[in-house]
Amino acid sequence: MSYDPEAIGQLTSWTRTLNEDDAQTLLDTAQPGLNLDEWRELGHRLLPQANVQRRNDHLRLVCAHLMDHDGTSILPSRHLELFQQGSPHRRSTLLWGRYFWSQPLVHCALAQLVGPALACADRPLAPHDAAIIPPETWDRALASWLRPETPTVARRKTLTTLQRALSLAGVLTVETHPTRTTTAQHGRPDPLGFAWLLAFELHVQGLDEVDEPWAHRESFAARLFAPDVGYAATCVRAGIDAGLLRQGHLMGRSRLHGVAV
């Protein structure tokens, strides 16, 4: 998935949220070879929500966006392996990186709001408030992205959900006092989580190889987490060392190849 100008004005609201603790519980119970129906039954026993529909929502979101399966059973994957063996920081980076890849409004916000705000703030002698994204800018953006018939309540909930998502990715701070202020910032994702998301993008997009500078600045991982270039390079190196990425060279330029995701 990528930012698609053709979809602007046609997107639906985003009101279904995913609880991180519950998603992690469901991923921890996922074992390669486990039948999906058995996994769902186990999930219903472990999730704390009394409402069956809410539990079903979490199971559906995790199954659709965070797990590898063949429609019947859970498949082995580096994502699941890294997640289940990872630190809290790595687990969070892997979870949100993969989940937000499937959310078109995140792509829109990164391209039109967060990225430009950071580019402005990073300029020499930039104003101290250059990274602030004003409320009216959010409102105009959402009005242009969502279908015109989207109800006001759903539009407001979508704004809250989107800002929370960017905050979880580490590229937006949200302050509510004395007024609601949102400020773009550079994130520091877990290096292997960043590298996995990069390899995932190469796999999904069918890219055999990319220039390393593209990975540092333009990949989805680079846009979602917005680390500075030096930190992004550290993440790429960690991915190469872990076998998530393979490095080559062409005419003196460093090239990256995805491996297994």
C-alpha atoms as a PDB file:
ATOM      1  CA  MET A   1       0.000   0.000   0.000  1.00  0.00           C
ATOM      2  CA  SER A   2       1.164   3.556  -0.650  1.00  0.00           C
ATOM      3  CA  TYR A   3      -0.190   7.089  -0.710  1.00  0.00           C
ATOM      4  CA  ASP A   4      -2.719   7.154  -3.535  1.00  0.00           C
ATOM      5  CA  PRO A   5      -3.947  10.601  -4.667  1.00  0.00           C
ATOM      6  CA  GLU A   6      -6.695   8.884  -6.666  1.00  0.00           C
ATOM      7  CA  ALA A   7      -8.269   7.667  -3.410  1.00  0.00           C
ATOM      8  CA  ILE A   8      -8.498  11.140  -1.897  1.00  0.00           C
ATOM      9  CA  GLY A   9     -12.075  12.082  -1.149  1.00  0.00           C
ATOM     10  CA  GLN A  10     -13.159   8.445  -1.217  1.00  0.00           C
ATOM     11  CA  LEU A  11     -11.808   7.069   2.066  1.00  0.00           C
ATOM     12  CA  THR A  12     -14.091   5.786   4.793  1.00  0.00           C
ATOM     13  CA  SER A  13     -13.918   6.804   8.438  1.00  0.00           C
ATOM     14  CA  TRP A  14     -11.549   5.025  10.842  1.00  0.00           C
ATOM     15  CA  THR A  15     -13.322   4.401  14.118  1.00  0.00           C
ATOM     16  CA  ARG A  16     -12.363   0.831  15.023  1.00  0.00           C
ATOM     17  CA  THR A  17      -9.375   0.915  17.339  1.00  0.00           C
ATOM     18  CA  LEU A  18      -6.989  -1.915  18.174  1.00  0.00           C
ATOM     19  CA  ASN A  19      -5.915  -2.361  21.781  1.00  0.00           C
ATOM     20  CA  GLU A  20      -2.170  -3.045  21.936  1.00  0.00           C
ATOM     21  CA  ASP A  21      -2.281  -5.383  24.941  1.00  0.00           C
ATOM     22  CA  ASP A  22      -5.054  -7.468  23.401  1.00  0.00           C
ATOM     23  CA  ALA A  23      -3.294  -7.635  20.034  1.00  0.00           C
ATOM     24  CA  GLN A  24      -0.115  -8.777  21.739  1.00  0.00           C
ATOM     25  CA  THR A  25      -2.019 -11.460  23.643  1.00  0.00           C
ATOM     26  CA  LEU A  26      -3.458 -12.799  20.392  1.00  0.00           C
ATOM     27  CA  LEU A  27      -0.081 -12.790  18.654  1.00  0.00           C
ATOM     28  CA  ASP A  28       1.562 -14.540  21.592  1.00  0.00           C
ATOM     29  CA  THR A  29      -0.977 -17.366  21.299  1.00  0.00           C
ATOM     30  CA  ALA A  30      -0.362 -17.739  17.550  1.00  0.00           C
ATOM     31  CA  GLN A  31       1.745 -20.802  16.768  1.00  0.00           C
ATOM     32  CA  PRO A  32       2.724 -21.984  13.274  1.00  0.00           C
ATOM     33  CA  GLY A  33       0.441 -24.828  12.246  1.00  0.00           C
ATOM     34  CA  LEU A  34      -2.334 -23.879  14.674  1.00  0.00           C
ATOM     35  CA  ASN A  35      -5.768 -24.007  13.079  1.00  0.00           C
ATOM     36  CA  LEU A  36      -7.346 -20.536  12.839  1.00  0.00           C
ATOM     37  CA  ASP A  37     -10.613 -21.699  14.379  1.00  0.00           C
ATOM     38  CA  GLU A  38      -8.719 -23.091  17.375  1.00  0.00           C
ATOM     39  CA  TRP A  39      -6.788 -19.814  17.653  1.00  0.00           C
ATOM     40  CA  ARG A  40     -10.055 -17.847  17.638  1.00  0.00           C
ATOM     41  CA  GLU A  41     -11.536 -20.076  20.346  1.00  0.00           C
ATOM     42  CA  LEU A  42      -8.440 -19.530  22.472  1.00  0.00           C
ATOM     43  CA  GLY A  43      -8.631 -15.792  21.825  1.00  0.00           C
ATOM     44  CA  HIS A  44     -12.224 -15.625  23.042  1.00  0.00           C
ATOM     45  CA  ARG A  45     -11.127 -17.262  26.299  1.00  0.00           C
ATOM     46  CA  LEU A  46      -8.183 -14.910  26.827  1.00  0.00           C
ATOM     47  CA  LEU A  47      -9.519 -11.511  25.752  1.00  0.00           C
ATOM     48  CA  PRO A  48     -10.989  -9.517  28.653  1.00  0.00           C
ATOM     49  CA  GLN A  49     -13.945  -7.896  26.839  1.00  0.00           C
ATOM     50  CA  ALA A  50     -17.354  -9.147  27.931  1.00  0.00           C
ATOM     51  CA  ASN A  51     -18.821  -8.110  24.576  1.00  0.00           C
ATOM     52  CA  VAL A  52     -18.487 -10.916  22.014  1.00  0.00           C
ATOM     53  CA  GLN A  53     -18.582  -8.503  19.075  1.00  0.00           C
ATOM     54  CA  ARG A  54     -15.657  -6.507  20.486  1.00  0.00           C
ATOM     55  CA  ARG A  55     -13.636  -9.707  20.882  1.00  0.00           C
ATOM     56  CA  ASN A  56     -14.521 -10.663  17.320  1.00  0.00           C
ATOM     57  CA  ASP A  57     -13.349  -7.238  16.130  1.00  0.00           C
ATOM     58  CA  HIS A  58      -9.924  -7.758  17.693  1.00  0.00           C
ATOM     59  CA  LEU A  59      -9.630 -11.284  16.321  1.00  0.00           C
ATOM     60  CA  ARG A  60     -10.590 -10.070  12.849  1.00  0.00           C
ATOM     61  CA  LEU A  61      -8.129  -7.158  12.849  1.00  0.00           C
ATOM     62  CA  VAL A  62      -5.217  -9.263  14.094  1.00  0.00           C
ATOM     63  CA  CYS A  63      -5.968 -12.092  11.666  1.00  0.00           C
ATOM     64  CA  ALA A  64      -6.350  -9.746   8.694  1.00  0.00           C
ATOM     65  CA  HIS A  65      -3.458  -7.353   9.336  1.00  0.00           C
ATOM     66  CA  LEU A  66      -0.924  -8.897  11.714  1.00  0.00           C
ATOM     67  CA  MET A  67      -0.662 -12.627  10.993  1.00  0.00           C
ATOM     68  CA  ASP A  68       0.498 -14.824   8.151  1.00  0.00           C
ATOM     69  CA  HIS A  69      -1.905 -17.662   7.379  1.00  0.00           C
ATOM     70  CA  ASP A  70      -3.285 -19.650   4.458  1.00  0.00           C
ATOM     71  CA  GLY A  71      -6.929 -19.232   5.426  1.00  0.00           C
ATOM     72  CA  THR A  72      -6.890 -22.390   7.511  1.00  0.00           C
ATOM     73  CA  SER A  73      -3.742 -22.448   9.620  1.00  0.00           C
ATOM     74  CA  ILE A  74      -1.140 -19.996  10.938  1.00  0.00           C
ATOM     75  CA  LEU A  75       2.078 -19.940   8.897  1.00  0.00           C
ATOM     76  CA  PRO A  76       5.614 -19.491  10.226  1.00  0.00           C
ATOM     77  CA  SER A  77       7.080 -16.032   9.655  1.00  0.00           C
ATOM     78  CA  ARG A  78       9.974 -13.844  10.740  1.00  0.00           C
ATOM     79  CA  HIS A  79       7.447 -11.283  11.938  1.00  0.00           C
ATOM     80  CA  LEU A  80       5.898 -13.734  14.411  1.00  0.00           C
ATOM     81  CA  GLU A  81       9.291 -15.047  15.485  1.00  0.00           C
ATOM     82  CA  LEU A  82      10.731 -11.574  16.091  1.00  0.00           C
ATOM     83  CA  PHE A  83       7.576 -10.453  17.856  1.00  0.00           C
ATOM     84  CA  GLN A  84       7.325 -13.357  20.271  1.00  0.00           C
ATOM     85  CA  GLN A  85      11.025 -13.218  21.144  1.00  0.00           C
ATOM     86  CA  GLY A  86      11.334  -9.433  21.174  1.00  0.00           C
ATOM     87  CA  SER A  87      11.663  -6.695  23.758  1.00  0.00           C
ATOM     88  CA  PRO A  88       8.634  -4.476  24.482  1.00  0.00           C
ATOM     89  CA  HIS A  89      10.059  -1.822  22.120  1.00  0.00           C
ATOM     90  CA  ARG A  90      10.543  -4.341  19.316  1.00  0.00           C
ATOM     91  CA  ARG A  91       7.085  -5.848  19.800  1.00  0.00           C
ATOM     92  CA  SER A  92       5.459  -2.419  19.638  1.00  0.00           C
ATOM     93  CA  THR A  93       7.417  -1.409  16.509  1.00  0.00           C
ATOM     94  CA  LEU A  94       6.540  -4.662  14.742  1.00  0.00           C
ATOM     95  CA  LEU A  95       2.886  -4.523  15.721  1.00  0.00           C
ATOM     96  CA  TRP A  96       2.177  -0.914  14.786  1.00  0.00           C
ATOM     97  CA  GLY A  97       4.446  -0.892  11.757  1.00  0.00           C
ATOM     98  CA  ARG A  98       2.578  -3.783  10.163  1.00  0.00           C
ATOM     99  CA  TYR A  99      -0.860  -2.613  11.274  1.00  0.00           C
ATOM    100  CA  PHE A 100      -0.452   0.968  10.056  1.00  0.00           C
ATOM    101  CA  TRP A 101       0.768  -0.244   6.669  1.00  0.00           C
ATOM    102  CA  SER A 102      -2.824  -1.330   6.020  1.00  0.00           C
ATOM    103  CA  GLN A 103      -4.357   2.011   7.045  1.00  0.00           C
ATOM    104  CA  PRO A 104      -4.677   4.424   4.084  1.00  0.00           C
ATOM    105  CA  LEU A 105      -5.311   7.441   6.304  1.00  0.00           C
ATOM    106  CA  VAL A 106      -1.917   6.925   7.939  1.00  0.00           C
ATOM    107  CA  HIS A 107      -0.285   7.038   4.512  1.00  0.00           C
ATOM    108  CA  CYS A 108      -2.175  10.245   3.711  1.00  0.00           C
ATOM    109  CA  ALA A 109      -1.235  11.928   6.986  1.00  0.00           C
ATOM    110  CA  LEU A 110       2.433  11.032   6.630  1.00  0.00           C
ATOM    111  CA  ALA A 111       2.566  12.368   3.074  1.00  0.00           C
ATOM    112  CA  GLN A 112       0.553  15.552   3.540  1.00  0.00           C
ATOM    113  CA  LEU A 113       0.987  16.546   7.179  1.00  0.00           C
ATOM    114  CA  VAL A 114       3.764  14.873   9.172  1.00  0.00           C
ATOM    115  CA  GLY A 115       6.394  14.730   6.441  1.00  0.00           C
ATOM    116  CA  PRO A 116       6.017  18.372   5.362  1.00  0.00           C
ATOM    117  CA  ALA A 117       5.978  19.585   9.000  1.00  0.00           C
ATOM    118  CA  LEU A 118       9.229  17.752   9.753  1.00  0.00           C
ATOM    119  CA  ALA A 119      10.845  18.980   6.536  1.00  0.00           C
ATOM    120  CA  CYS A 120       9.974  22.536   7.531  1.00  0.00           C
ATOM    121  CA  ALA A 121      11.186  22.089  11.115  1.00  0.00           C
ATOM    122  CA  ASP A 122      14.486  20.565   9.952  1.00  0.00           C
ATOM    123  CA  ARG A 123      15.448  23.599   7.874  1.00  0.00           C
ATOM    124  CA  PRO A 124      18.160  25.887   9.236  1.00  0.00           C
ATOM    125  CA  LEU A 125      16.721  28.728  11.324  1.00  0.00           C
ATOM    126  CA  ALA A 126      13.237  27.198  11.204  1.00  0.00           C
ATOM    127  CA  PRO A 127      10.659  28.837  13.520  1.00  0.00           C
ATOM    128  CA  HIS A 128      10.331  27.153  16.887  1.00  0.00           C
ATOM    129  CA  ASP A 129       6.755  26.137  16.090  1.00  0.00           C
ATOM    130  CA  ALA A 130       7.477  24.841  12.575  1.00  0.00           C
ATOM    131  CA  ALA A 131       6.617  21.232  13.512  1.00  0.00           C
ATOM    132  CA  ILE A 132       3.182  22.103  14.916  1.00  0.00           C
ATOM    133  CA  ILE A 133       0.251  20.931  12.778  1.00  0.00           C
ATOM    134  CA  PRO A 134      -2.659  23.328  13.487  1.00  0.00           C
ATOM    135  CA  PRO A 135      -6.199  22.024  14.108  1.00  0.00           C
ATOM    136  CA  GLU A 136      -7.520  23.720  10.980  1.00  0.00           C
ATOM    137  CA  THR A 137      -4.903  21.893   8.906  1.00  0.00           C
ATOM    138  CA  TRP A 138      -6.165  18.563  10.255  1.00  0.00           C
ATOM    139  CA  ASP A 139      -9.749  19.561   9.545  1.00  0.00           C
ATOM    140  CA  ARG A 140      -9.010  20.566   5.943  1.00  0.00           C
ATOM    141  CA  ALA A 141      -7.035  17.391   5.348  1.00  0.00           C
ATOM    142  CA  LEU A 142      -9.745  15.099   6.695  1.00  0.00           C
ATOM    143  CA  ALA A 143     -12.384  16.939   4.689  1.00  0.00           C
ATOM    144  CA  SER A 144     -10.374  16.251   1.547  1.00  0.00           C
ATOM    145  CA  TRP A 145      -9.627  12.592   2.360  1.00  0.00           C
ATOM    146  CA  LEU A 146     -12.980  11.305   3.582  1.00  0.00           C
ATOM    147  CA  ARG A 147     -16.151  10.746   1.642  1.00  0.00           C
ATOM    148  CA  PRO A 148     -18.323  13.877   1.718  1.00  0.00           C
ATOM    149  CA  GLU A 149     -21.203  12.041   3.371  1.00  0.00           C
ATOM    150  CA  THR A 150     -19.090  11.028   6.389  1.00  0.00           C
ATOM    151  CA  PRO A 151     -21.037  12.061   9.540  1.00  0.00           C
ATOM    152  CA  THR A 152     -19.481  14.681  11.821  1.00  0.00           C
ATOM    153  CA  VAL A 153     -19.238  12.250  14.743  1.00  0.00           C
ATOM    154  CA  ALA A 154     -17.372   9.693  12.603  1.00  0.00           C
ATOM    155  CA  ARG A 155     -15.091  12.453  11.272  1.00  0.00           C
ATOM    156  CA  ARG A 156     -14.164  13.524  14.799  1.00  0.00           C
ATOM    157  CA  LYS A 157     -13.558   9.937  15.910  1.00  0.00           C
ATOM    158  CA  THR A 158     -11.402   9.394  12.824  1.00  0.00           C
ATOM    159  CA  LEU A 159      -9.279  12.413  13.738  1.00  0.00           C
ATOM    160  CA  THR A 160      -8.735  11.063  17.253  1.00  0.00           C
ATOM    161  CA  THR A 161      -7.894   7.588  15.955  1.00  0.00           C
ATOM    162  CA  LEU A 162      -5.464   8.925  13.370  1.00  0.00           C
ATOM    163  CA  GLN A 163      -3.633  11.204  15.778  1.00  0.00           C
ATOM    164  CA  ARG A 164      -3.384   8.365  18.292  1.00  0.00           C
ATOM    165  CA  ALA A 165      -1.905   6.120  15.595  1.00  0.00           C
ATOM    166  CA  LEU A 166       0.784   8.638  14.707  1.00  0.00           C
ATOM    167  CA  SER A 167       1.517   9.113  18.384  1.00  0.00           C
ATOM    168  CA  LEU A 168       1.976   5.359  18.809  1.00  0.00           C
ATOM    169  CA  ALA A 169       4.396   5.404  15.872  1.00  0.00           C
ATOM    170  CA  GLY A 170       6.375   8.083  17.703  1.00  0.00           C
ATOM    171  CA  VAL A 171       6.078  10.828  15.071  1.00  0.00           C
ATOM    172  CA  LEU A 172       3.434  12.975  16.759  1.00  0.00           C
ATOM    173  CA  THR A 173       3.049  14.400  20.238  1.00  0.00           C
ATOM    174  CA  VAL A 174      -0.450  15.331  21.347  1.00  0.00           C
ATOM    175  CA  GLU A 175      -0.867  17.823  24.183  1.00  0.00           C
ATOM    176  CA  THR A 176      -4.343  18.639  25.452  1.00  0.00           C
ATOM    177  CA  HIS A 177      -3.673  21.486  27.897  1.00  0.00           C
ATOM    178  CA  PRO A 178      -4.340  24.352  27.721  1.00  0.00           C
ATOM    179  CA  THR A 179      -5.411  23.614  24.130  1.00  0.00           C
ATOM    180  CA  ARG A 180      -4.988  20.554  21.922  1.00  0.00           C
ATOM    181  CA  THR A 181      -1.632  20.832  20.142  1.00  0.00           C
ATOM    182  CA  THR A 182      -0.101  18.271  17.779  1.00  0.00           C
ATOM    183  CA  THR A 183       3.584  18.429  16.932  1.00  0.00           C
ATOM    184  CA  ALA A 184       5.500  16.273  14.447  1.00  0.00           C
ATOM    185  CA  GLN A 185       8.756  14.746  15.657  1.00  0.00           C
ATOM    186  CA  HIS A 186      11.404  12.251  14.640  1.00  0.00           C
ATOM    187  CA  GLY A 187      10.892   8.763  16.055  1.00  0.00           C
ATOM    188  CA  ARG A 188      13.323   6.083  17.189  1.00  0.00           C
ATOM    189  CA  PRO A 189      11.845   2.678  16.288  1.00  0.00           C
ATOM    190  CA  ASP A 190      13.386  -0.598  17.295  1.00  0.00           C
ATOM    191  CA  PRO A 191      16.066  -1.280  14.645  1.00  0.00           C
ATOM    192  CA  LEU A 192      14.919  -4.801  13.777  1.00  0.00           C
ATOM    193  CA  GLY A 193      11.299  -3.673  13.743  1.00  0.00           C
ATOM    194  CA  PHE A 194      12.228  -0.954  11.248  1.00  0.00           C
ATOM    195  CA  ALA A 195      14.247  -3.408   9.139  1.00  0.00           C
ATOM    196  CA  TRP A 196      11.448  -5.969   9.110  1.00  0.00           C
ATOM    197  CA  LEU A 197       8.938  -3.365   7.917  1.00  0.00           C
ATOM    198  CA  LEU A 198      11.332  -2.359   5.148  1.00  0.00           C
ATOM    199  CA  ALA A 199      11.735  -5.985   4.058  1.00  0.00           C
ATOM    200  CA  PHE A 200       7.937  -6.403   4.235  1.00  0.00           C
ATOM    201  CA  GLU A 201       7.420  -3.433   1.922  1.00  0.00           C
ATOM    202  CA  LEU A 202       9.926  -4.792  -0.600  1.00  0.00           C
ATOM    203  CA  HIS A 203       8.131  -8.153  -0.533  1.00  0.00           C
ATOM    204  CA  VAL A 204       4.595  -6.788  -0.815  1.00  0.00           C
ATOM    205  CA  GLN A 205       5.480  -4.250  -3.488  1.00  0.00           C
ATOM    206  CA  GLY A 206       7.483  -6.794  -5.495  1.00  0.00           C
ATOM    207  CA  LEU A 207      10.670  -4.725  -5.345  1.00  0.00           C
ATOM    208  CA  ASP A 208      13.748  -6.840  -6.015  1.00  0.00           C
ATOM    209  CA  GLU A 209      16.157  -4.174  -4.838  1.00  0.00           C
ATOM    210  CA  VAL A 210      16.257  -0.507  -3.812  1.00  0.00           C
ATOM    211  CA  ASP A 211      18.911   2.133  -3.250  1.00  0.00           C
ATOM    212  CA  GLU A 212      19.878   2.320   0.407  1.00  0.00           C
ATOM    213  CA  PRO A 213      19.201   6.102   0.583  1.00  0.00           C
ATOM    214  CA  TRP A 214      15.615   5.358  -0.493  1.00  0.00           C
ATOM    215  CA  ALA A 215      15.289   3.021   2.493  1.00  0.00           C
ATOM    216  CA  HIS A 216      16.571   5.751   4.825  1.00  0.00           C
ATOM    217  CA  ARG A 217      14.283   8.533   3.565  1.00  0.00           C
ATOM    218  CA  GLU A 218      11.373   7.333   1.406  1.00  0.00           C
ATOM    219  CA  SER A 219      10.368   3.817   2.448  1.00  0.00           C
ATOM    220  CA  PHE A 220       7.202   3.379   4.483  1.00  0.00           C
ATOM    221  CA  ALA A 221       9.285   2.549   7.561  1.00  0.00           C
ATOM    222  CA  ALA A 222      11.225   5.801   7.105  1.00  0.00           C
ATOM    223  CA  ARG A 223       8.027   7.832   6.684  1.00  0.00           C
ATOM    224  CA  LEU A 224       6.097   6.135   9.489  1.00  0.00           C
ATOM    225  CA  PHE A 225       8.817   6.390  12.124  1.00  0.00           C
ATOM    226  CA  ALA A 226      10.726   9.351  10.644  1.00  0.00           C
ATOM    227  CA  PRO A 227      14.095   8.586  12.256  1.00  0.00           C
ATOM    228  CA  ASP A 228      17.008  10.803  11.315  1.00  0.00           C
ATOM    229  CA  VAL A 229      19.120   9.409   8.476  1.00  0.00           C
ATOM    230  CA  GLY A 230      21.904   8.221  10.771  1.00  0.00           C
ATOM    231  CA  TYR A 231      19.513   6.216  12.924  1.00  0.00           C
ATOM    232  CA  ALA A 232      17.777   4.795   9.851  1.00  0.00           C
ATOM    233  CA  ALA A 233      21.164   3.609   8.590  1.00  0.00           C
ATOM    234  CA  THR A 234      21.743   1.895  11.948  1.00  0.00           C
ATOM    235  CA  CYS A 235      18.377   0.131  11.578  1.00  0.00           C
ATOM    236  CA  VAL A 236      19.272  -1.055   8.074  1.00  0.00           C
ATOM    237  CA  ARG A 237      22.619  -2.380   9.283  1.00  0.00           C
ATOM    238  CA  ALA A 238      20.870  -4.277  12.091  1.00  0.00           C
ATOM    239  CA  GLY A 239      18.514  -5.792   9.511  1.00  0.00           C
ATOM    240  CA  ILE A 240      21.428  -6.918   7.352  1.00  0.00           C
ATOM    241  CA  ASP A 241      23.175  -8.479  10.336  1.00  0.00           C
ATOM    242  CA  ALA A 242      19.958 -10.311  11.306  1.00  0.00           C
ATOM    243  CA  GLY A 243      19.370 -11.646   7.786  1.00  0.00           C
ATOM    244  CA  LEU A 244      16.229  -9.566   7.163  1.00  0.00           C
ATOM    245  CA  LEU A 245      17.937  -7.627   4.392  1.00  0.00           C
ATOM    246  CA  ARG A 246      20.783  -8.364   2.000  1.00  0.00           C
ATOM    247  CA  GLN A 247      23.188  -5.710   0.802  1.00  0.00           C
ATOM    248  CA  GLY A 248      24.697  -5.473  -2.661  1.00  0.00           C
ATOM    249  CA  HIS A 249      26.355  -2.830  -4.776  1.00  0.00           C
ATOM    250  CA  LEU A 250      25.728  -1.532  -8.264  1.00  0.00           C
ATOM    251  CA  MET A 251      28.043   1.021  -9.861  1.00  0.00           C
ATOM    252  CA  GLY A 252      29.319   2.021  -6.442  1.00  0.00           C
ATOM    253  CA  ARG A 253      25.836   2.461  -4.948  1.00  0.00           C
ATOM    254  CA  SER A 254      24.640   0.432  -1.980  1.00  0.00           C
ATOM    255  CA  ARG A 255      21.559  -1.623  -2.849  1.00  0.00           C
ATOM    256  CA  LEU A 256      19.229  -3.499  -0.506  1.00  0.00           C
ATOM    257  CA  HIS A 257      17.337  -6.728  -1.145  1.00  0.00           C
ATOM    258  CA  GLY A 258      14.582  -8.108   1.065  1.00  0.00           C
ATOM    259  CA  VAL A 259      14.881 -11.647   2.348  1.00  0.00           C
ATOM    260  CA  ALA A 260      12.246 -13.448   4.441  1.00  0.00           C
ATOM    261  CA  VAL A 261       9.411 -11.687   6.244  1.00  0.00           C
END
